[in-house]
Amino acid sequence: MSENARPKRQYDSTRRREQAARTREQIVLAAGQVFVERGYAGATIAVIAVRAGVAVETVYRSASGKAGLLAAAVQAALAGGVARADVPRDQRPAIRAMIEETDPRVRFTQYAEMITGVYRRTGPLLRVLDVAAASDEELAALRDSLERQRWQGQRRFAQALAEAGTLRPGLTPDTAADVIYALQSPAVHDSLVLDRGWSPEAYRDWLADLLARALLDPP
């Protein structure tokens, strides 16, 4: 009897974990939608629970309050999905392709394509975060953490260019990272795409060309 019962307990445990993961995904996706629609102040836990189709208590168990939900929604948008947020960065397909690419100009094209997609997914949430962070210390800390993550990502990219021997002479990886950080900032993206009406494709091509001109050793 005990031998027959063990697989059932394992199966039930696996099924519960899978259901919990699906529920959390529903909640994070619903939270992202509600934050964008209502802003941070208007996105109550009760509204998020109704959108996700779960109890309020379930929402509270899924993250550390509203700030935790906003952080989870941003990370999911950055990664391209809730499940992908736990995948190490260097194992994500777009980043893996850049790591394996040997032509630096193709790398910049891939990078600009990836960044354009990231801003398409995260832009509305980041704008919610910017507004709310002005009056909430916890959210200000979250915004600062995301900015540090962004620079660290640029630093890894710049280091890869340096190791390949393709950086412009005199540029250190730190300086190159600063250049990428500035040119690829959300503010620059929004000023061109939202304020000036550039298409995402025009922004992508501009960014790839500008980064190549600023950072690569001229042929």
N, C-alpha and C. Protein backbone atom coordinates (compact mmCIF):
# COMPACT_ATOMS: atom_id res chain seq x y z
N MET A 1 0.83 -1.22 0.00
CA MET A 1 0.00 0.00 0.00
C MET A 1 0.86 1.26 0.00
N SER A 2 1.91 1.27 0.86
CA SER A 2 2.73 2.47 0.93
C SER A 2 3.45 2.73 -0.37
N GLU A 3 3.90 1.67 -1.07
CA GLU A 3 4.59 1.86 -2.35
C GLU A 3 3.66 2.46 -3.38
N ASN A 4 2.39 2.05 -3.34
CA ASN A 4 1.42 2.59 -4.30
C ASN A 4 1.05 4.04 -3.97
N ALA A 5 1.11 4.39 -2.70
CA ALA A 5 0.69 5.74 -2.31
C ALA A 5 1.74 6.79 -2.65
N ARG A 6 3.01 6.42 -2.63
CA ARG A 6 4.08 7.40 -2.82
C ARG A 6 3.99 8.15 -4.15
N PRO A 7 3.83 7.45 -5.28
CA PRO A 7 3.73 8.18 -6.55
C PRO A 7 2.56 9.16 -6.57
N LYS A 8 1.45 8.78 -5.92
CA LYS A 8 0.30 9.68 -5.91
C LYS A 8 0.63 10.97 -5.17
N ARG A 9 1.33 10.85 -4.01
CA ARG A 9 1.70 12.06 -3.28
C ARG A 9 2.63 12.94 -4.10
N GLN A 10 3.56 12.30 -4.81
CA GLN A 10 4.47 13.07 -5.65
C GLN A 10 3.71 13.76 -6.77
N TYR A 11 2.76 13.04 -7.36
CA TYR A 11 1.97 13.61 -8.45
C TYR A 11 1.16 14.79 -7.95
N ASP A 12 0.52 14.63 -6.76
CA ASP A 12 -0.29 15.72 -6.22
C ASP A 12 0.57 16.93 -5.91
N SER A 13 1.79 16.69 -5.40
CA SER A 13 2.68 17.79 -5.08
C SER A 13 3.09 18.54 -6.34
N THR A 14 3.41 17.79 -7.40
CA THR A 14 3.78 18.43 -8.67
C THR A 14 2.62 19.23 -9.23
N ARG A 15 1.43 18.65 -9.14
CA ARG A 15 0.26 19.35 -9.65
C ARG A 15 -0.03 20.63 -8.88
N ARG A 16 0.17 20.59 -7.56
CA ARG A 16 -0.03 21.79 -6.76
C ARG A 16 0.97 22.87 -7.11
N ARG A 17 2.23 22.49 -7.33
CA ARG A 17 3.25 23.47 -7.71
C ARG A 17 2.92 24.10 -9.05
N GLU A 18 2.47 23.27 -9.99
CA GLU A 18 2.12 23.79 -11.31
C GLU A 18 0.93 24.75 -11.23
N GLN A 19 -0.05 24.39 -10.40
CA GLN A 19 -1.22 25.26 -10.24
C GLN A 19 -0.83 26.57 -9.57
N ALA A 20 0.06 26.49 -8.57
CA ALA A 20 0.51 27.72 -7.90
C ALA A 20 1.25 28.62 -8.87
N ALA A 21 2.06 28.03 -9.75
CA ALA A 21 2.79 28.82 -10.74
C ALA A 21 1.83 29.49 -11.72
N ARG A 22 0.80 28.75 -12.15
CA ARG A 22 -0.19 29.33 -13.07
C ARG A 22 -0.96 30.47 -12.39
N THR A 23 -1.30 30.26 -11.12
CA THR A 23 -2.03 31.30 -10.39
C THR A 23 -1.19 32.55 -10.25
N ARG A 24 0.09 32.38 -9.90
CA ARG A 24 0.96 33.55 -9.75
C ARG A 24 1.11 34.28 -11.09
N GLU A 25 1.20 33.51 -12.18
CA GLU A 25 1.30 34.14 -13.49
C GLU A 25 0.06 34.97 -13.80
N GLN A 26 -1.11 34.42 -13.49
CA GLN A 26 -2.36 35.17 -13.68
C GLN A 26 -2.33 36.48 -12.89
N ILE A 27 -1.87 36.40 -11.65
CA ILE A 27 -1.87 37.58 -10.78
C ILE A 27 -0.90 38.63 -11.29
N VAL A 28 0.31 38.22 -11.67
CA VAL A 28 1.31 39.18 -12.15
C VAL A 28 0.85 39.84 -13.44
N LEU A 29 0.30 39.06 -14.36
CA LEU A 29 -0.20 39.64 -15.61
C LEU A 29 -1.36 40.59 -15.35
N ALA A 30 -2.27 40.20 -14.47
CA ALA A 30 -3.40 41.06 -14.14
C ALA A 30 -2.92 42.34 -13.48
N ALA A 31 -1.95 42.22 -12.58
CA ALA A 31 -1.42 43.41 -11.90
C ALA A 31 -0.81 44.38 -12.91
N GLY A 32 -0.05 43.86 -13.86
CA GLY A 32 0.55 44.72 -14.87
C GLY A 32 -0.51 45.48 -15.66
N GLN A 33 -1.56 44.79 -16.04
CA GLN A 33 -2.64 45.43 -16.79
C GLN A 33 -3.31 46.53 -15.96
N VAL A 34 -3.60 46.22 -14.70
CA VAL A 34 -4.30 47.19 -13.85
C VAL A 34 -3.41 48.39 -13.54
N PHE A 35 -2.12 48.18 -13.31
CA PHE A 35 -1.21 49.31 -13.06
C PHE A 35 -1.20 50.26 -14.25
N VAL A 36 -1.14 49.71 -15.45
CA VAL A 36 -1.10 50.54 -16.65
C VAL A 36 -2.42 51.30 -16.83
N GLU A 37 -3.52 50.63 -16.57
CA GLU A 37 -4.83 51.24 -16.78
C GLU A 37 -5.18 52.29 -15.73
N ARG A 38 -4.80 52.03 -14.47
CA ARG A 38 -5.28 52.86 -13.36
C ARG A 38 -4.18 53.64 -12.65
N GLY A 39 -2.91 53.39 -13.01
CA GLY A 39 -1.84 54.00 -12.27
C GLY A 39 -1.61 53.26 -10.96
N TYR A 40 -0.53 53.62 -10.28
CA TYR A 40 -0.19 52.88 -9.06
C TYR A 40 -1.22 53.09 -7.96
N ALA A 41 -1.65 54.32 -7.75
CA ALA A 41 -2.60 54.61 -6.67
C ALA A 41 -3.94 53.92 -6.91
N GLY A 42 -4.37 53.88 -8.16
CA GLY A 42 -5.68 53.31 -8.46
C GLY A 42 -5.70 51.80 -8.57
N ALA A 43 -4.53 51.19 -8.59
CA ALA A 43 -4.46 49.73 -8.74
C ALA A 43 -4.52 49.07 -7.37
N THR A 44 -5.72 48.92 -6.86
CA THR A 44 -5.87 48.30 -5.55
C THR A 44 -5.72 46.78 -5.65
N ILE A 45 -5.39 46.17 -4.52
CA ILE A 45 -5.28 44.72 -4.48
C ILE A 45 -6.60 44.07 -4.84
N ALA A 46 -7.71 44.68 -4.40
CA ALA A 46 -9.03 44.12 -4.70
C ALA A 46 -9.30 44.11 -6.20
N VAL A 47 -8.94 45.19 -6.89
CA VAL A 47 -9.16 45.26 -8.34
C VAL A 47 -8.27 44.22 -9.04
N ILE A 48 -7.03 44.10 -8.60
CA ILE A 48 -6.12 43.11 -9.19
C ILE A 48 -6.65 41.70 -8.98
N ALA A 49 -7.20 41.43 -7.81
CA ALA A 49 -7.75 40.11 -7.53
C ALA A 49 -8.92 39.78 -8.45
N VAL A 50 -9.80 40.75 -8.66
CA VAL A 50 -10.93 40.53 -9.57
C VAL A 50 -10.44 40.27 -10.97
N ARG A 51 -9.46 41.05 -11.45
CA ARG A 51 -8.93 40.88 -12.80
C ARG A 51 -8.28 39.49 -12.96
N ALA A 52 -7.58 39.03 -11.91
CA ALA A 52 -6.91 37.73 -11.97
C ALA A 52 -7.85 36.57 -11.72
N GLY A 53 -9.05 36.86 -11.18
CA GLY A 53 -10.00 35.79 -10.88
C GLY A 53 -9.63 34.97 -9.66
N VAL A 54 -9.03 35.64 -8.67
CA VAL A 54 -8.62 34.94 -7.44
C VAL A 54 -9.07 35.75 -6.24
N ALA A 55 -8.90 35.16 -5.05
CA ALA A 55 -9.25 35.86 -3.82
C ALA A 55 -8.19 36.90 -3.47
N VAL A 56 -8.59 37.91 -2.74
CA VAL A 56 -7.67 38.95 -2.32
C VAL A 56 -6.51 38.34 -1.53
N GLU A 57 -6.80 37.37 -0.67
CA GLU A 57 -5.75 36.73 0.13
C GLU A 57 -4.71 36.05 -0.76
N THR A 58 -5.15 35.52 -1.87
CA THR A 58 -4.23 34.86 -2.80
C THR A 58 -3.27 35.86 -3.41
N VAL A 59 -3.75 37.06 -3.71
CA VAL A 59 -2.89 38.11 -4.24
C VAL A 59 -1.85 38.50 -3.20
N TYR A 60 -2.28 38.67 -1.95
CA TYR A 60 -1.33 39.04 -0.90
C TYR A 60 -0.25 37.98 -0.72
N ARG A 61 -0.60 36.72 -0.90
CA ARG A 61 0.39 35.65 -0.73
C ARG A 61 1.36 35.58 -1.90
N SER A 62 1.03 36.16 -3.03
CA SER A 62 1.84 36.00 -4.23
C SER A 62 3.02 36.98 -4.29
N ALA A 63 2.96 38.08 -3.54
CA ALA A 63 4.02 39.10 -3.58
C ALA A 63 3.92 39.96 -2.34
N SER A 64 4.99 40.72 -2.10
CA SER A 64 5.02 41.57 -0.91
C SER A 64 4.32 42.89 -1.18
N GLY A 65 2.99 42.85 -1.22
CA GLY A 65 2.21 44.06 -1.41
C GLY A 65 2.24 44.60 -2.83
N LYS A 66 1.72 45.82 -3.00
CA LYS A 66 1.64 46.42 -4.33
C LYS A 66 3.01 46.65 -4.94
N ALA A 67 3.95 47.10 -4.13
CA ALA A 67 5.30 47.34 -4.67
C ALA A 67 5.90 46.05 -5.20
N GLY A 68 5.71 44.97 -4.48
CA GLY A 68 6.21 43.67 -4.94
C GLY A 68 5.54 43.21 -6.22
N LEU A 69 4.25 43.50 -6.34
CA LEU A 69 3.54 43.15 -7.57
C LEU A 69 4.04 43.97 -8.75
N LEU A 70 4.28 45.26 -8.52
CA LEU A 70 4.79 46.10 -9.61
C LEU A 70 6.18 45.62 -10.03
N ALA A 71 7.01 45.29 -9.04
CA ALA A 71 8.34 44.77 -9.36
C ALA A 71 8.25 43.48 -10.16
N ALA A 72 7.35 42.59 -9.77
CA ALA A 72 7.19 41.32 -10.49
C ALA A 72 6.67 41.56 -11.90
N ALA A 73 5.75 42.51 -12.06
CA ALA A 73 5.21 42.80 -13.39
C ALA A 73 6.29 43.38 -14.30
N VAL A 74 7.14 44.25 -13.75
CA VAL A 74 8.23 44.84 -14.55
C VAL A 74 9.23 43.76 -14.95
N GLN A 75 9.62 42.91 -14.01
CA GLN A 75 10.59 41.85 -14.32
C GLN A 75 10.03 40.88 -15.36
N ALA A 76 8.74 40.56 -15.25
CA ALA A 76 8.12 39.68 -16.25
C ALA A 76 8.12 40.33 -17.62
N ALA A 77 7.82 41.63 -17.67
CA ALA A 77 7.83 42.34 -18.95
C ALA A 77 9.24 42.40 -19.53
N LEU A 78 10.23 42.63 -18.69
CA LEU A 78 11.62 42.66 -19.16
C LEU A 78 12.01 41.33 -19.79
N ALA A 79 11.61 40.24 -19.14
CA ALA A 79 12.01 38.91 -19.60
C ALA A 79 11.15 38.39 -20.74
N GLY A 80 9.99 38.99 -20.96
CA GLY A 80 9.09 38.51 -22.01
C GLY A 80 8.11 37.47 -21.52
N GLY A 81 7.87 37.43 -20.21
CA GLY A 81 6.91 36.49 -19.65
C GLY A 81 7.22 36.19 -18.21
N VAL A 82 6.20 35.82 -17.44
CA VAL A 82 6.40 35.54 -16.02
C VAL A 82 7.35 34.38 -15.82
N ALA A 83 7.15 33.31 -16.57
CA ALA A 83 8.00 32.13 -16.41
C ALA A 83 9.44 32.41 -16.80
N ARG A 84 9.64 33.29 -17.78
CA ARG A 84 11.00 33.58 -18.25
C ARG A 84 11.79 34.45 -17.28
N ALA A 85 11.09 35.10 -16.34
CA ALA A 85 11.78 36.00 -15.41
C ALA A 85 12.80 35.26 -14.55
N ASP A 86 12.58 33.96 -14.33
CA ASP A 86 13.50 33.16 -13.52
C ASP A 86 14.63 32.54 -14.34
N VAL A 87 14.59 32.70 -15.65
CA VAL A 87 15.64 32.14 -16.50
C VAL A 87 16.86 33.06 -16.45
N PRO A 88 18.07 32.53 -16.20
CA PRO A 88 19.26 33.38 -16.19
C PRO A 88 19.38 34.18 -17.48
N ARG A 89 19.86 35.42 -17.36
CA ARG A 89 19.91 36.31 -18.51
C ARG A 89 20.67 35.71 -19.69
N ASP A 90 21.81 35.09 -19.41
CA ASP A 90 22.62 34.59 -20.52
C ASP A 90 22.05 33.33 -21.17
N GLN A 91 20.91 32.84 -20.65
CA GLN A 91 20.24 31.71 -21.27
C GLN A 91 18.99 32.12 -22.04
N ARG A 92 18.68 33.41 -22.03
CA ARG A 92 17.53 33.87 -22.80
C ARG A 92 17.92 33.96 -24.27
N PRO A 93 17.01 33.57 -25.18
CA PRO A 93 17.38 33.42 -26.59
C PRO A 93 18.03 34.66 -27.21
N ALA A 94 17.46 35.86 -26.98
CA ALA A 94 18.00 37.06 -27.61
C ALA A 94 19.42 37.34 -27.12
N ILE A 95 19.64 37.17 -25.83
CA ILE A 95 20.98 37.43 -25.27
C ILE A 95 21.95 36.34 -25.70
N ARG A 96 21.46 35.11 -25.75
CA ARG A 96 22.31 34.00 -26.21
C ARG A 96 22.78 34.25 -27.64
N ALA A 97 21.89 34.76 -28.49
CA ALA A 97 22.26 35.02 -29.88
C ALA A 97 23.33 36.09 -29.96
N MET A 98 23.26 37.13 -29.11
CA MET A 98 24.29 38.17 -29.13
C MET A 98 25.63 37.63 -28.63
N ILE A 99 25.58 36.78 -27.62
CA ILE A 99 26.82 36.20 -27.11
C ILE A 99 27.53 35.39 -28.19
N GLU A 100 26.76 34.66 -28.99
CA GLU A 100 27.33 33.77 -29.99
C GLU A 100 27.70 34.49 -31.28
N GLU A 101 27.18 35.70 -31.50
CA GLU A 101 27.46 36.44 -32.73
C GLU A 101 28.89 37.00 -32.69
N THR A 102 29.58 36.91 -33.81
CA THR A 102 30.97 37.39 -33.87
C THR A 102 31.10 38.73 -34.58
N ASP A 103 30.15 39.10 -35.41
CA ASP A 103 30.21 40.38 -36.12
C ASP A 103 29.66 41.48 -35.20
N PRO A 104 30.49 42.46 -34.81
CA PRO A 104 30.03 43.47 -33.84
C PRO A 104 28.87 44.31 -34.35
N ARG A 105 28.82 44.59 -35.65
CA ARG A 105 27.72 45.40 -36.17
C ARG A 105 26.41 44.61 -36.15
N VAL A 106 26.49 43.32 -36.41
CA VAL A 106 25.29 42.49 -36.29
C VAL A 106 24.86 42.44 -34.83
N ARG A 107 25.83 42.41 -33.92
CA ARG A 107 25.51 42.43 -32.49
C ARG A 107 24.69 43.66 -32.13
N PHE A 108 25.09 44.82 -32.66
CA PHE A 108 24.36 46.03 -32.34
C PHE A 108 22.94 46.00 -32.93
N THR A 109 22.81 45.41 -34.11
CA THR A 109 21.46 45.26 -34.70
C THR A 109 20.60 44.36 -33.81
N GLN A 110 21.17 43.25 -33.35
CA GLN A 110 20.44 42.36 -32.46
C GLN A 110 20.08 43.06 -31.15
N TYR A 111 21.05 43.82 -30.64
CA TYR A 111 20.84 44.52 -29.38
C TYR A 111 19.71 45.54 -29.51
N ALA A 112 19.75 46.32 -30.57
CA ALA A 112 18.72 47.35 -30.77
C ALA A 112 17.35 46.71 -30.96
N GLU A 113 17.30 45.57 -31.63
CA GLU A 113 16.03 44.84 -31.80
C GLU A 113 15.50 44.39 -30.44
N MET A 114 16.40 43.87 -29.61
CA MET A 114 15.98 43.41 -28.29
C MET A 114 15.48 44.56 -27.43
N ILE A 115 16.22 45.69 -27.44
CA ILE A 115 15.85 46.83 -26.63
C ILE A 115 14.51 47.42 -27.07
N THR A 116 14.28 47.46 -28.37
CA THR A 116 13.00 47.96 -28.87
C THR A 116 11.85 47.11 -28.35
N GLY A 117 12.03 45.80 -28.35
CA GLY A 117 11.00 44.92 -27.80
C GLY A 117 10.82 45.10 -26.31
N VAL A 118 11.91 45.29 -25.59
CA VAL A 118 11.85 45.49 -24.14
C VAL A 118 11.04 46.74 -23.83
N TYR A 119 11.29 47.84 -24.53
CA TYR A 119 10.56 49.08 -24.24
C TYR A 119 9.09 48.97 -24.67
N ARG A 120 8.83 48.21 -25.68
CA ARG A 120 7.44 48.00 -26.08
C ARG A 120 6.67 47.32 -24.94
N ARG A 121 7.33 46.36 -24.28
CA ARG A 121 6.67 45.61 -23.20
C ARG A 121 6.68 46.35 -21.87
N THR A 122 7.79 47.02 -21.56
CA THR A 122 7.96 47.58 -20.22
C THR A 122 7.64 49.06 -20.12
N GLY A 123 7.64 49.77 -21.25
CA GLY A 123 7.48 51.23 -21.22
C GLY A 123 6.31 51.71 -20.38
N PRO A 124 5.09 51.20 -20.59
CA PRO A 124 3.95 51.68 -19.80
C PRO A 124 4.14 51.44 -18.30
N LEU A 125 4.70 50.29 -17.93
CA LEU A 125 4.92 50.01 -16.51
C LEU A 125 6.01 50.90 -15.92
N LEU A 126 7.07 51.15 -16.69
CA LEU A 126 8.14 52.01 -16.19
C LEU A 126 7.64 53.44 -15.99
N ARG A 127 6.73 53.89 -16.84
CA ARG A 127 6.18 55.24 -16.66
C ARG A 127 5.31 55.30 -15.40
N VAL A 128 4.57 54.23 -15.12
CA VAL A 128 3.81 54.16 -13.86
C VAL A 128 4.77 54.22 -12.68
N LEU A 129 5.85 53.46 -12.76
CA LEU A 129 6.84 53.43 -11.68
C LEU A 129 7.46 54.81 -11.47
N ASP A 130 7.81 55.51 -12.54
CA ASP A 130 8.44 56.82 -12.43
C ASP A 130 7.54 57.81 -11.67
N VAL A 131 6.27 57.80 -12.00
CA VAL A 131 5.33 58.72 -11.34
C VAL A 131 5.19 58.36 -9.86
N ALA A 132 5.00 57.08 -9.58
CA ALA A 132 4.78 56.66 -8.20
C ALA A 132 6.03 56.80 -7.35
N ALA A 133 7.20 56.63 -7.93
CA ALA A 133 8.45 56.69 -7.18
C ALA A 133 8.72 58.07 -6.62
N ALA A 134 8.10 59.09 -7.19
CA ALA A 134 8.32 60.46 -6.72
C ALA A 134 7.81 60.66 -5.30
N SER A 135 6.87 59.82 -4.86
CA SER A 135 6.29 60.00 -3.52
C SER A 135 6.32 58.73 -2.68
N ASP A 136 7.08 57.72 -3.11
CA ASP A 136 7.13 56.45 -2.38
C ASP A 136 8.57 55.97 -2.34
N GLU A 137 9.14 55.89 -1.15
CA GLU A 137 10.55 55.51 -1.01
C GLU A 137 10.81 54.09 -1.49
N GLU A 138 9.89 53.18 -1.23
CA GLU A 138 10.07 51.80 -1.66
C GLU A 138 10.12 51.70 -3.17
N LEU A 139 9.25 52.45 -3.84
CA LEU A 139 9.24 52.42 -5.30
C LEU A 139 10.44 53.17 -5.88
N ALA A 140 10.90 54.21 -5.19
CA ALA A 140 12.11 54.90 -5.63
C ALA A 140 13.30 53.94 -5.57
N ALA A 141 13.34 53.12 -4.52
CA ALA A 141 14.42 52.13 -4.41
C ALA A 141 14.32 51.09 -5.52
N LEU A 142 13.09 50.70 -5.87
CA LEU A 142 12.90 49.75 -6.97
C LEU A 142 13.37 50.36 -8.29
N ARG A 143 13.02 51.61 -8.54
CA ARG A 143 13.47 52.28 -9.77
C ARG A 143 14.99 52.36 -9.84
N ASP A 144 15.60 52.70 -8.70
CA ASP A 144 17.06 52.78 -8.67
C ASP A 144 17.70 51.41 -8.92
N SER A 145 17.10 50.37 -8.36
CA SER A 145 17.61 49.02 -8.56
C SER A 145 17.53 48.62 -10.04
N LEU A 146 16.43 48.96 -10.69
CA LEU A 146 16.28 48.64 -12.11
C LEU A 146 17.30 49.40 -12.95
N GLU A 147 17.59 50.64 -12.57
CA GLU A 147 18.60 51.41 -13.30
C GLU A 147 19.99 50.80 -13.13
N ARG A 148 20.28 50.33 -11.92
CA ARG A 148 21.57 49.66 -11.70
C ARG A 148 21.66 48.39 -12.54
N GLN A 149 20.57 47.64 -12.59
CA GLN A 149 20.54 46.43 -13.42
C GLN A 149 20.77 46.78 -14.89
N ARG A 150 20.18 47.89 -15.31
CA ARG A 150 20.33 48.29 -16.72
C ARG A 150 21.79 48.62 -17.03
N TRP A 151 22.45 49.38 -16.12
CA TRP A 151 23.85 49.70 -16.37
C TRP A 151 24.72 48.45 -16.34
N GLN A 152 24.43 47.54 -15.43
CA GLN A 152 25.22 46.31 -15.35
C GLN A 152 25.08 45.50 -16.64
N GLY A 153 23.87 45.52 -17.22
CA GLY A 153 23.69 44.85 -18.50
C GLY A 153 24.52 45.50 -19.59
N GLN A 154 24.57 46.84 -19.60
CA GLN A 154 25.40 47.54 -20.60
C GLN A 154 26.88 47.23 -20.37
N ARG A 155 27.26 47.10 -19.10
CA ARG A 155 28.66 46.82 -18.79
C ARG A 155 29.07 45.44 -19.30
N ARG A 156 28.19 44.46 -19.15
CA ARG A 156 28.49 43.12 -19.67
C ARG A 156 28.61 43.15 -21.20
N PHE A 157 27.74 43.89 -21.84
CA PHE A 157 27.78 44.01 -23.30
C PHE A 157 29.07 44.69 -23.74
N ALA A 158 29.44 45.78 -23.06
CA ALA A 158 30.66 46.51 -23.40
C ALA A 158 31.89 45.64 -23.16
N GLN A 159 31.89 44.85 -22.09
CA GLN A 159 33.02 43.96 -21.82
C GLN A 159 33.18 42.93 -22.93
N ALA A 160 32.06 42.41 -23.44
CA ALA A 160 32.12 41.45 -24.54
C ALA A 160 32.74 42.09 -25.78
N LEU A 161 32.39 43.35 -26.05
CA LEU A 161 32.99 44.05 -27.19
C LEU A 161 34.49 44.25 -26.98
N ALA A 162 34.87 44.59 -25.74
CA ALA A 162 36.28 44.79 -25.45
C ALA A 162 37.07 43.49 -25.61
N GLU A 163 36.51 42.40 -25.12
CA GLU A 163 37.19 41.11 -25.22
C GLU A 163 37.34 40.66 -26.67
N ALA A 164 36.41 41.10 -27.53
CA ALA A 164 36.50 40.76 -28.95
C ALA A 164 37.44 41.70 -29.70
N GLY A 165 37.95 42.74 -29.00
CA GLY A 165 38.88 43.67 -29.63
C GLY A 165 38.24 44.62 -30.61
N THR A 166 36.95 44.92 -30.42
CA THR A 166 36.25 45.76 -31.40
C THR A 166 35.90 47.14 -30.87
N LEU A 167 36.18 47.44 -29.60
CA LEU A 167 35.89 48.78 -29.09
C LEU A 167 36.83 49.81 -29.72
N ARG A 168 36.31 51.01 -29.90
CA ARG A 168 37.13 52.11 -30.41
C ARG A 168 38.33 52.32 -29.50
N PRO A 169 39.51 52.56 -30.05
CA PRO A 169 40.71 52.77 -29.23
C PRO A 169 40.50 53.89 -28.20
N GLY A 170 40.94 53.63 -26.98
CA GLY A 170 40.82 54.62 -25.91
C GLY A 170 39.56 54.46 -25.08
N LEU A 171 38.59 53.66 -25.53
CA LEU A 171 37.37 53.44 -24.77
C LEU A 171 37.55 52.28 -23.81
N THR A 172 37.27 52.50 -22.55
CA THR A 172 37.25 51.41 -21.58
C THR A 172 35.85 50.80 -21.56
N PRO A 173 35.71 49.59 -21.07
CA PRO A 173 34.37 49.01 -20.95
C PRO A 173 33.42 49.87 -20.11
N ASP A 174 33.95 50.50 -19.04
CA ASP A 174 33.08 51.34 -18.21
C ASP A 174 32.57 52.55 -18.99
N THR A 175 33.45 53.19 -19.76
CA THR A 175 33.02 54.35 -20.54
C THR A 175 32.05 53.92 -21.63
N ALA A 176 32.35 52.80 -22.28
CA ALA A 176 31.44 52.30 -23.31
C ALA A 176 30.07 51.98 -22.71
N ALA A 177 30.06 51.41 -21.50
CA ALA A 177 28.80 51.11 -20.83
C ALA A 177 28.03 52.39 -20.55
N ASP A 178 28.73 53.44 -20.15
CA ASP A 178 28.07 54.73 -19.90
C ASP A 178 27.44 55.28 -21.19
N VAL A 179 28.14 55.14 -22.31
CA VAL A 179 27.61 55.62 -23.58
C VAL A 179 26.34 54.85 -23.95
N ILE A 180 26.40 53.53 -23.83
CA ILE A 180 25.21 52.72 -24.15
C ILE A 180 24.07 53.08 -23.21
N TYR A 181 24.38 53.22 -21.93
CA TYR A 181 23.38 53.54 -20.90
C TYR A 181 22.65 54.84 -21.24
N ALA A 182 23.40 55.84 -21.71
CA ALA A 182 22.80 57.13 -22.03
C ALA A 182 21.97 57.07 -23.31
N LEU A 183 22.54 56.48 -24.36
CA LEU A 183 21.85 56.47 -25.66
C LEU A 183 20.63 55.57 -25.65
N GLN A 184 20.67 54.53 -24.83
CA GLN A 184 19.60 53.54 -24.82
C GLN A 184 18.63 53.77 -23.65
N SER A 185 18.63 54.95 -23.09
CA SER A 185 17.80 55.21 -21.91
C SER A 185 16.32 55.26 -22.28
N PRO A 186 15.44 54.93 -21.33
CA PRO A 186 14.01 55.05 -21.59
C PRO A 186 13.60 56.46 -22.00
N ALA A 187 14.27 57.47 -21.44
CA ALA A 187 13.91 58.86 -21.78
C ALA A 187 14.17 59.16 -23.25
N VAL A 188 15.29 58.68 -23.78
CA VAL A 188 15.60 58.89 -25.20
C VAL A 188 14.59 58.15 -26.07
N HIS A 189 14.31 56.89 -25.71
CA HIS A 189 13.31 56.13 -26.46
C HIS A 189 11.98 56.85 -26.49
N ASP A 190 11.51 57.30 -25.32
CA ASP A 190 10.19 57.93 -25.25
C ASP A 190 10.16 59.27 -25.99
N SER A 191 11.25 60.02 -25.93
CA SER A 191 11.26 61.31 -26.62
C SER A 191 11.16 61.13 -28.13
N LEU A 192 11.75 60.06 -28.66
CA LEU A 192 11.70 59.83 -30.11
C LEU A 192 10.42 59.12 -30.54
N VAL A 193 10.06 58.05 -29.82
CA VAL A 193 8.92 57.23 -30.25
C VAL A 193 7.59 57.84 -29.82
N LEU A 194 7.50 58.30 -28.57
CA LEU A 194 6.24 58.84 -28.08
C LEU A 194 6.07 60.31 -28.43
N ASP A 195 7.11 61.11 -28.19
CA ASP A 195 6.98 62.56 -28.41
C ASP A 195 7.10 62.94 -29.89
N ARG A 196 8.07 62.35 -30.58
CA ARG A 196 8.33 62.73 -31.97
C ARG A 196 7.67 61.80 -32.98
N GLY A 197 7.08 60.71 -32.50
CA GLY A 197 6.31 59.86 -33.39
C GLY A 197 7.10 58.91 -34.26
N TRP A 198 8.36 58.63 -33.88
CA TRP A 198 9.13 57.65 -34.63
C TRP A 198 8.49 56.27 -34.51
N SER A 199 8.61 55.49 -35.56
CA SER A 199 8.17 54.10 -35.46
C SER A 199 9.20 53.31 -34.65
N PRO A 200 8.79 52.20 -34.03
CA PRO A 200 9.76 51.36 -33.33
C PRO A 200 10.90 50.91 -34.24
N GLU A 201 10.58 50.66 -35.51
CA GLU A 201 11.62 50.22 -36.45
C GLU A 201 12.63 51.32 -36.71
N ALA A 202 12.15 52.57 -36.83
CA ALA A 202 13.06 53.70 -37.04
C ALA A 202 13.97 53.89 -35.83
N TYR A 203 13.39 53.77 -34.64
CA TYR A 203 14.20 53.87 -33.41
C TYR A 203 15.24 52.76 -33.36
N ARG A 204 14.84 51.55 -33.67
CA ARG A 204 15.77 50.41 -33.66
C ARG A 204 16.95 50.64 -34.60
N ASP A 205 16.66 51.07 -35.82
CA ASP A 205 17.74 51.27 -36.80
C ASP A 205 18.65 52.42 -36.38
N TRP A 206 18.06 53.49 -35.85
CA TRP A 206 18.85 54.64 -35.39
C TRP A 206 19.78 54.22 -34.25
N LEU A 207 19.25 53.48 -33.30
CA LEU A 207 20.05 53.07 -32.14
C LEU A 207 21.20 52.17 -32.56
N ALA A 208 20.93 51.20 -33.41
CA ALA A 208 21.99 50.29 -33.85
C ALA A 208 23.10 51.05 -34.57
N ASP A 209 22.72 51.98 -35.46
CA ASP A 209 23.72 52.74 -36.22
C ASP A 209 24.51 53.67 -35.31
N LEU A 210 23.83 54.35 -34.38
CA LEU A 210 24.51 55.31 -33.51
C LEU A 210 25.49 54.60 -32.57
N LEU A 211 25.08 53.48 -32.01
CA LEU A 211 25.97 52.74 -31.12
C LEU A 211 27.20 52.24 -31.86
N ALA A 212 27.00 51.75 -33.07
CA ALA A 212 28.14 51.27 -33.86
C ALA A 212 29.11 52.41 -34.15
N ARG A 213 28.58 53.59 -34.51
CA ARG A 213 29.44 54.74 -34.81
C ARG A 213 30.19 55.22 -33.57
N ALA A 214 29.53 55.15 -32.41
CA ALA A 214 30.12 55.69 -31.19
C ALA A 214 31.14 54.76 -30.55
N LEU A 215 30.98 53.44 -30.76
CA LEU A 215 31.74 52.50 -29.95
C LEU A 215 32.73 51.62 -30.72
N LEU A 216 32.48 51.38 -31.99
CA LEU A 216 33.31 50.44 -32.70
C LEU A 216 34.54 51.12 -33.30
N ASP A 217 35.59 50.33 -33.40
CA ASP A 217 36.80 50.78 -34.09
C ASP A 217 36.47 50.93 -35.57
N PRO A 218 36.64 52.11 -36.17
CA PRO A 218 36.27 52.28 -37.57
C PRO A 218 37.02 51.29 -38.45
N PRO A 219 36.35 50.75 -39.47
CA PRO A 219 37.02 49.80 -40.36
C PRO A 219 38.15 50.46 -41.14
